[in-house]
Amino acid sequence: LKITSQNFEQEVLKSDKKVLIDFYA
């Protein structure tokens, strides 16, 4: 899932699952 500042809180902080985030360029 592509994370932006707009969906970060809902998709990451409020996730009921463990979250793996890949910071990349």
PDB file of all heavy atoms in Angstrom:
ATOM      1  N   LEU A   1       0.842  -1.184   0.000  1.00  0.00           N
ATOM      2  CA  LEU A   1       0.000   0.000   0.000  1.00  0.00           C
ATOM      3  C   LEU A   1       0.882   1.240   0.000  1.00  0.00           C
ATOM      4  O   LEU A   1       1.829   1.324   0.781  1.00  0.00           O
ATOM      5  CB  LEU A   1      -0.859  -0.034   1.267  1.00  0.00           C
ATOM      6  CG  LEU A   1      -1.869   1.055   1.485  1.00  0.00           C
ATOM      7  CD1 LEU A   1      -2.940   1.012   0.395  1.00  0.00           C
ATOM      8  CD2 LEU A   1      -2.515   0.870   2.845  1.00  0.00           C
ATOM      9  N   LYS A   2       0.583   2.180  -0.883  1.00  0.00           N
ATOM     10  CA  LYS A   2       1.344   3.433  -0.921  1.00  0.00           C
ATOM     11  C   LYS A   2       0.838   4.340   0.204  1.00  0.00           C
ATOM     12  O   LYS A   2      -0.346   4.636   0.284  1.00  0.00           O
ATOM     13  CB  LYS A   2       1.175   4.120  -2.278  1.00  0.00           C
ATOM     14  CG  LYS A   2       1.976   5.397  -2.375  1.00  0.00           C
ATOM     15  CD  LYS A   2       1.890   6.016  -3.744  1.00  0.00           C
ATOM     16  CE  LYS A   2       2.700   7.302  -3.749  1.00  0.00           C
ATOM     17  NZ  LYS A   2       2.886   7.817  -5.078  1.00  0.00           N
ATOM     18  N   ILE A   3       1.757   4.760   1.054  1.00  0.00           N
ATOM     19  CA  ILE A   3       1.401   5.601   2.191  1.00  0.00           C
ATOM     20  C   ILE A   3       1.795   7.047   1.910  1.00  0.00           C
ATOM     21  O   ILE A   3       2.898   7.323   1.443  1.00  0.00           O
ATOM     22  CB  ILE A   3       2.092   5.100   3.481  1.00  0.00           C
ATOM     23  CG1 ILE A   3       1.622   3.693   3.843  1.00  0.00           C
ATOM     24  CG2 ILE A   3       1.854   6.064   4.645  1.00  0.00           C
ATOM     25  CD1 ILE A   3       0.153   3.562   4.154  1.00  0.00           C
ATOM     26  N   THR A   4       0.860   7.947   2.213  1.00  0.00           N
ATOM     27  CA  THR A   4       1.097   9.384   2.098  1.00  0.00           C
ATOM     28  C   THR A   4       0.767  10.008   3.451  1.00  0.00           C
ATOM     29  O   THR A   4       0.211   9.334   4.338  1.00  0.00           O
ATOM     30  CB  THR A   4       0.187  10.008   1.021  1.00  0.00           C
ATOM     31  OG1 THR A   4      -1.171   9.892   1.464  1.00  0.00           O
ATOM     32  CG2 THR A   4       0.368   9.346  -0.330  1.00  0.00           C
ATOM     33  N   SER A   5       1.059  11.271   3.599  1.00  0.00           N
ATOM     34  CA  SER A   5       0.712  11.941   4.860  1.00  0.00           C
ATOM     35  C   SER A   5      -0.805  11.957   5.058  1.00  0.00           C
ATOM     36  O   SER A   5      -1.284  11.985   6.186  1.00  0.00           O
ATOM     37  CB  SER A   5       1.293  13.353   4.890  1.00  0.00           C
ATOM     38  OG  SER A   5       0.925  14.068   3.740  1.00  0.00           O
ATOM     39  N   GLN A   6      -1.572  11.872   3.954  1.00  0.00           N
ATOM     40  CA  GLN A   6      -3.029  11.885   4.056  1.00  0.00           C
ATOM     41  C   GLN A   6      -3.594  10.574   4.618  1.00  0.00           C
ATOM     42  O   GLN A   6      -4.568  10.589   5.351  1.00  0.00           O
ATOM     43  CB  GLN A   6      -3.676  12.157   2.686  1.00  0.00           C
ATOM     44  CG  GLN A   6      -3.583  13.597   2.234  1.00  0.00           C
ATOM     45  CD  GLN A   6      -2.190  13.987   1.758  1.00  0.00           C
ATOM     46  OE1 GLN A   6      -1.495  13.196   1.126  1.00  0.00           O
ATOM     47  NE2 GLN A   6      -1.764  15.192   2.079  1.00  0.00           N
ATOM     48  N   ASN A   7      -2.999   9.425   4.258  1.00  0.00           N
ATOM     49  CA  ASN A   7      -3.567   8.149   4.720  1.00  0.00           C
ATOM     50  C   ASN A   7      -2.731   7.478   5.815  1.00  0.00           C
ATOM     51  O   ASN A   7      -3.077   6.408   6.284  1.00  0.00           O
ATOM     52  CB  ASN A   7      -3.784   7.192   3.545  1.00  0.00           C
ATOM     53  CG  ASN A   7      -2.499   6.683   2.919  1.00  0.00           C
ATOM     54  OD1 ASN A   7      -1.385   7.047   3.307  1.00  0.00           O
ATOM     55  ND2 ASN A   7      -2.647   5.830   1.919  1.00  0.00           N
ATOM     56  N   PHE A   8      -1.648   8.118   6.247  1.00  0.00           N
ATOM     57  CA  PHE A   8      -0.739   7.512   7.227  1.00  0.00           C
ATOM     58  C   PHE A   8      -1.447   7.146   8.535  1.00  0.00           C
ATOM     59  O   PHE A   8      -1.329   6.022   9.013  1.00  0.00           O
ATOM     60  CB  PHE A   8       0.434   8.464   7.513  1.00  0.00           C
ATOM     61  CG  PHE A   8       1.349   7.964   8.587  1.00  0.00           C
ATOM     62  CD1 PHE A   8       2.262   6.945   8.325  1.00  0.00           C
ATOM     63  CD2 PHE A   8       1.290   8.488   9.867  1.00  0.00           C
ATOM     64  CE1 PHE A   8       3.101   6.477   9.325  1.00  0.00           C
ATOM     65  CE2 PHE A   8       2.118   8.025  10.870  1.00  0.00           C
ATOM     66  CZ  PHE A   8       3.025   7.012  10.596  1.00  0.00           C
ATOM     67  N   GLU A   9      -2.190   8.080   9.104  1.00  0.00           N
ATOM     68  CA  GLU A   9      -2.830   7.810  10.392  1.00  0.00           C
ATOM     69  C   GLU A   9      -3.799   6.632  10.299  1.00  0.00           C
ATOM     70  O   GLU A   9      -3.751   5.703  11.104  1.00  0.00           O
ATOM     71  CB  GLU A   9      -3.564   9.053  10.901  1.00  0.00           C
ATOM     72  CG  GLU A   9      -4.169   8.829  12.274  1.00  0.00           C
ATOM     73  CD  GLU A   9      -4.830  10.073  12.857  1.00  0.00           C
ATOM     74  OE1 GLU A   9      -4.683  11.175  12.293  1.00  0.00           O
ATOM     75  OE2 GLU A   9      -5.488   9.926  13.886  1.00  0.00           O
ATOM     76  N   GLN A  10      -4.660   6.666   9.285  1.00  0.00           N
ATOM     77  CA  GLN A  10      -5.669   5.609   9.138  1.00  0.00           C
ATOM     78  C   GLN A  10      -5.041   4.252   8.826  1.00  0.00           C
ATOM     79  O   GLN A  10      -5.384   3.245   9.433  1.00  0.00           O
ATOM     80  CB  GLN A  10      -6.667   5.990   8.039  1.00  0.00           C
ATOM     81  CG  GLN A  10      -7.829   5.033   7.919  1.00  0.00           C
ATOM     82  CD  GLN A  10      -8.684   4.961   9.187  1.00  0.00           C
ATOM     83  OE1 GLN A  10      -8.980   5.979   9.808  1.00  0.00           O
ATOM     84  NE2 GLN A  10      -9.061   3.771   9.580  1.00  0.00           N
ATOM     85  N   GLU A  11      -4.114   4.215   7.872  1.00  0.00           N
ATOM     86  CA  GLU A  11      -3.574   2.944   7.390  1.00  0.00           C
ATOM     87  C   GLU A  11      -2.469   2.366   8.284  1.00  0.00           C
ATOM     88  O   GLU A  11      -2.298   1.152   8.339  1.00  0.00           O
ATOM     89  CB  GLU A  11      -3.040   3.101   5.964  1.00  0.00           C
ATOM     90  CG  GLU A  11      -4.099   3.427   4.939  1.00  0.00           C
ATOM     91  CD  GLU A  11      -5.113   2.312   4.723  1.00  0.00           C
ATOM     92  OE1 GLU A  11      -4.879   1.168   5.151  1.00  0.00           O
ATOM     93  OE2 GLU A  11      -6.162   2.588   4.118  1.00  0.00           O
ATOM     94  N   VAL A  12      -1.709   3.223   8.953  1.00  0.00           N
ATOM     95  CA  VAL A  12      -0.574   2.745   9.755  1.00  0.00           C
ATOM     96  C   VAL A  12      -0.872   2.819  11.245  1.00  0.00           C
ATOM     97  O   VAL A  12      -0.876   1.810  11.941  1.00  0.00           O
ATOM     98  CB  VAL A  12       0.721   3.523   9.413  1.00  0.00           C
ATOM     99  CG1 VAL A  12       1.870   3.085  10.297  1.00  0.00           C
ATOM    100  CG2 VAL A  12       1.082   3.316   7.943  1.00  0.00           C
ATOM    101  N   LEU A  13      -1.135   4.017  11.735  1.00  0.00           N
ATOM    102  CA  LEU A  13      -1.311   4.184  13.182  1.00  0.00           C
ATOM    103  C   LEU A  13      -2.548   3.465  13.715  1.00  0.00           C
ATOM    104  O   LEU A  13      -2.525   2.949  14.822  1.00  0.00           O
ATOM    105  CB  LEU A  13      -1.372   5.673  13.541  1.00  0.00           C
ATOM    106  CG  LEU A  13      -0.100   6.475  13.277  1.00  0.00           C
ATOM    107  CD1 LEU A  13      -0.286   7.927  13.698  1.00  0.00           C
ATOM    108  CD2 LEU A  13       1.105   5.864  13.978  1.00  0.00           C
ATOM    109  N   LYS A  14      -3.611   3.429  12.929  1.00  0.00           N
ATOM    110  CA  LYS A  14      -4.859   2.802  13.389  1.00  0.00           C
ATOM    111  C   LYS A  14      -5.032   1.379  12.863  1.00  0.00           C
ATOM    112  O   LYS A  14      -6.114   0.806  13.006  1.00  0.00           O
ATOM    113  CB  LYS A  14      -6.052   3.667  12.980  1.00  0.00           C
ATOM    114  CG  LYS A  14      -6.068   5.010  13.695  1.00  0.00           C
ATOM    115  CD  LYS A  14      -7.281   5.824  13.331  1.00  0.00           C
ATOM    116  CE  LYS A  14      -7.297   7.126  14.120  1.00  0.00           C
ATOM    117  NZ  LYS A  14      -8.423   7.975  13.715  1.00  0.00           N
ATOM    118  N   SER A  15      -3.990   0.802  12.285  1.00  0.00           N
ATOM    119  CA  SER A  15      -4.096  -0.542  11.720  1.00  0.00           C
ATOM    120  C   SER A  15      -4.285  -1.579  12.822  1.00  0.00           C
ATOM    121  O   SER A  15      -3.651  -1.507  13.875  1.00  0.00           O
ATOM    122  CB  SER A  15      -2.821  -0.879  10.927  1.00  0.00           C
ATOM    123  OG  SER A  15      -2.900  -2.208  10.448  1.00  0.00           O
ATOM    124  N   ASP A  16      -5.156  -2.547  12.560  1.00  0.00           N
ATOM    125  CA  ASP A  16      -5.330  -3.638  13.517  1.00  0.00           C
ATOM    126  C   ASP A  16      -4.355  -4.788  13.230  1.00  0.00           C
ATOM    127  O   ASP A  16      -4.353  -5.791  13.925  1.00  0.00           O
ATOM    128  CB  ASP A  16      -6.776  -4.148  13.517  1.00  0.00           C
ATOM    129  CG  ASP A  16      -7.249  -4.551  12.127  1.00  0.00           C
ATOM    130  OD1 ASP A  16      -6.519  -4.325  11.145  1.00  0.00           O
ATOM    131  OD2 ASP A  16      -8.369  -5.090  12.020  1.00  0.00           O
ATOM    132  N   LYS A  17      -3.531  -4.623  12.193  1.00  0.00           N
ATOM    133  CA  LYS A  17      -2.503  -5.614  11.845  1.00  0.00           C
ATOM    134  C   LYS A  17      -1.129  -5.035  12.141  1.00  0.00           C
ATOM    135  O   LYS A  17      -0.959  -3.818  12.238  1.00  0.00           O
ATOM    136  CB  LYS A  17      -2.537  -5.937  10.348  1.00  0.00           C
ATOM    137  CG  LYS A  17      -3.787  -6.591   9.848  1.00  0.00           C
ATOM    138  CD  LYS A  17      -3.629  -6.828   8.353  1.00  0.00           C
ATOM    139  CE  LYS A  17      -4.805  -7.562   7.758  1.00  0.00           C
ATOM    140  NZ  LYS A  17      -4.598  -7.801   6.326  1.00  0.00           N
ATOM    141  N   LYS A  18      -0.138  -5.916  12.230  1.00  0.00           N
ATOM    142  CA  LYS A  18       1.253  -5.472  12.278  1.00  0.00           C
ATOM    143  C   LYS A  18       1.550  -4.839  10.917  1.00  0.00           C
ATOM    144  O   LYS A  18       1.053  -5.294   9.894  1.00  0.00           O
ATOM    145  CB  LYS A  18       2.168  -6.668  12.521  1.00  0.00           C
ATOM    146  CG  LYS A  18       3.582  -6.285  12.911  1.00  0.00           C
ATOM    147  CD  LYS A  18       4.420  -7.510  13.207  1.00  0.00           C
ATOM    148  CE  LYS A  18       4.269  -7.941  14.642  1.00  0.00           C
ATOM    149  NZ  LYS A  18       5.229  -8.993  15.006  1.00  0.00           N
ATOM    150  N   VAL A  19       2.360  -3.765  10.906  1.00  0.00           N
ATOM    151  CA  VAL A  19       2.635  -3.015   9.677  1.00  0.00           C
ATOM    152  C   VAL A  19       4.131  -3.042   9.378  1.00  0.00           C
ATOM    153  O   VAL A  19       4.950  -2.787  10.259  1.00  0.00           O
ATOM    154  CB  VAL A  19       2.164  -1.547   9.808  1.00  0.00           C
ATOM    155  CG1 VAL A  19       2.449  -0.770   8.529  1.00  0.00           C
ATOM    156  CG2 VAL A  19       0.682  -1.472  10.167  1.00  0.00           C
ATOM    157  N   LEU A  20       4.468  -3.359   8.128  1.00  0.00           N
ATOM    158  CA  LEU A  20       5.837  -3.262   7.627  1.00  0.00           C
ATOM    159  C   LEU A  20       5.877  -2.075   6.672  1.00  0.00           C
ATOM    160  O   LEU A  20       5.131  -2.039   5.695  1.00  0.00           O
ATOM    161  CB  LEU A  20       6.255  -4.539   6.884  1.00  0.00           C
ATOM    162  CG  LEU A  20       7.593  -4.484   6.148  1.00  0.00           C
ATOM    163  CD1 LEU A  20       8.753  -4.305   7.127  1.00  0.00           C
ATOM    164  CD2 LEU A  20       7.797  -5.732   5.305  1.00  0.00           C
ATOM    165  N   ILE A  21       6.740  -1.098   6.981  1.00  0.00           N
ATOM    166  CA  ILE A  21       6.876   0.080   6.116  1.00  0.00           C
ATOM    167  C   ILE A  21       8.250   0.049   5.463  1.00  0.00           C
ATOM    168  O   ILE A  21       9.262  -0.109   6.139  1.00  0.00           O
ATOM    169  CB  ILE A  21       6.746   1.399   6.905  1.00  0.00           C
ATOM    170  CG1 ILE A  21       5.461   1.420   7.722  1.00  0.00           C
ATOM    171  CG2 ILE A  21       6.803   2.588   5.954  1.00  0.00           C
ATOM    172  CD1 ILE A  21       5.387   2.581   8.708  1.00  0.00           C
ATOM    173  N   ASP A  22       8.253   0.206   4.148  1.00  0.00           N
ATOM    174  CA  ASP A  22       9.490   0.297   3.369  1.00  0.00           C
ATOM    175  C   ASP A  22       9.668   1.764   2.960  1.00  0.00           C
ATOM    176  O   ASP A  22       8.898   2.279   2.154  1.00  0.00           O
ATOM    177  CB  ASP A  22       9.378  -0.609   2.138  1.00  0.00           C
ATOM    178  CG  ASP A  22      10.558  -0.475   1.183  1.00  0.00           C
ATOM    179  OD1 ASP A  22      11.635  -0.014   1.616  1.00  0.00           O
ATOM    180  OD2 ASP A  22      10.394  -0.839   0.001  1.00  0.00           O
ATOM    181  N   PHE A  23      10.657   2.440   3.558  1.00  0.00           N
ATOM    182  CA  PHE A  23      11.020   3.790   3.136  1.00  0.00           C
ATOM    183  C   PHE A  23      11.990   3.649   1.975  1.00  0.00           C
ATOM    184  O   PHE A  23      13.026   2.989   2.121  1.00  0.00           O
ATOM    185  CB  PHE A  23      11.685   4.562   4.284  1.00  0.00           C
ATOM    186  CG  PHE A  23      10.716   5.010   5.342  1.00  0.00           C
ATOM    187  CD1 PHE A  23      10.395   4.188   6.397  1.00  0.00           C
ATOM    188  CD2 PHE A  23      10.135   6.271   5.264  1.00  0.00           C
ATOM    189  CE1 PHE A  23       9.507   4.601   7.378  1.00  0.00           C
ATOM    190  CE2 PHE A  23       9.244   6.696   6.246  1.00  0.00           C
ATOM    191  CZ  PHE A  23       8.923   5.857   7.300  1.00  0.00           C
ATOM    192  N   TYR A  24      11.668   4.264   0.837  1.00  0.00           N
ATOM    193  CA  TYR A  24      12.459   4.058  -0.378  1.00  0.00           C
ATOM    194  C   TYR A  24      12.452   5.314  -1.249  1.00  0.00           C
ATOM    195  O   TYR A  24      11.730   6.271  -0.972  1.00  0.00           O
ATOM    196  CB  TYR A  24      11.882   2.883  -1.184  1.00  0.00           C
ATOM    197  CG  TYR A  24      10.632   3.267  -1.944  1.00  0.00           C
ATOM    198  CD1 TYR A  24      10.689   3.561  -3.299  1.00  0.00           C
ATOM    199  CD2 TYR A  24       9.405   3.388  -1.301  1.00  0.00           C
ATOM    200  CE1 TYR A  24       9.550   3.949  -3.996  1.00  0.00           C
ATOM    201  CE2 TYR A  24       8.271   3.776  -1.983  1.00  0.00           C
ATOM    202  CZ  TYR A  24       8.348   4.057  -3.328  1.00  0.00           C
ATOM    203  OH  TYR A  24       7.230   4.459  -4.012  1.00  0.00           O
ATOM    204  N   ALA A  25      13.263   5.272  -2.301  1.00  0.00           N
ATOM    205  CA  ALA A  25      13.219   6.286  -3.359  1.00  0.00           C
ATOM    206  C   ALA A  25      13.422   5.558  -4.693  1.00  0.00           C
ATOM    207  O   ALA A  25      14.101   4.527  -4.748  1.00  0.00           O
ATOM    208  CB  ALA A  25      14.309   7.333  -3.154  1.00  0.00           C
TER     209      ALA A  25
END
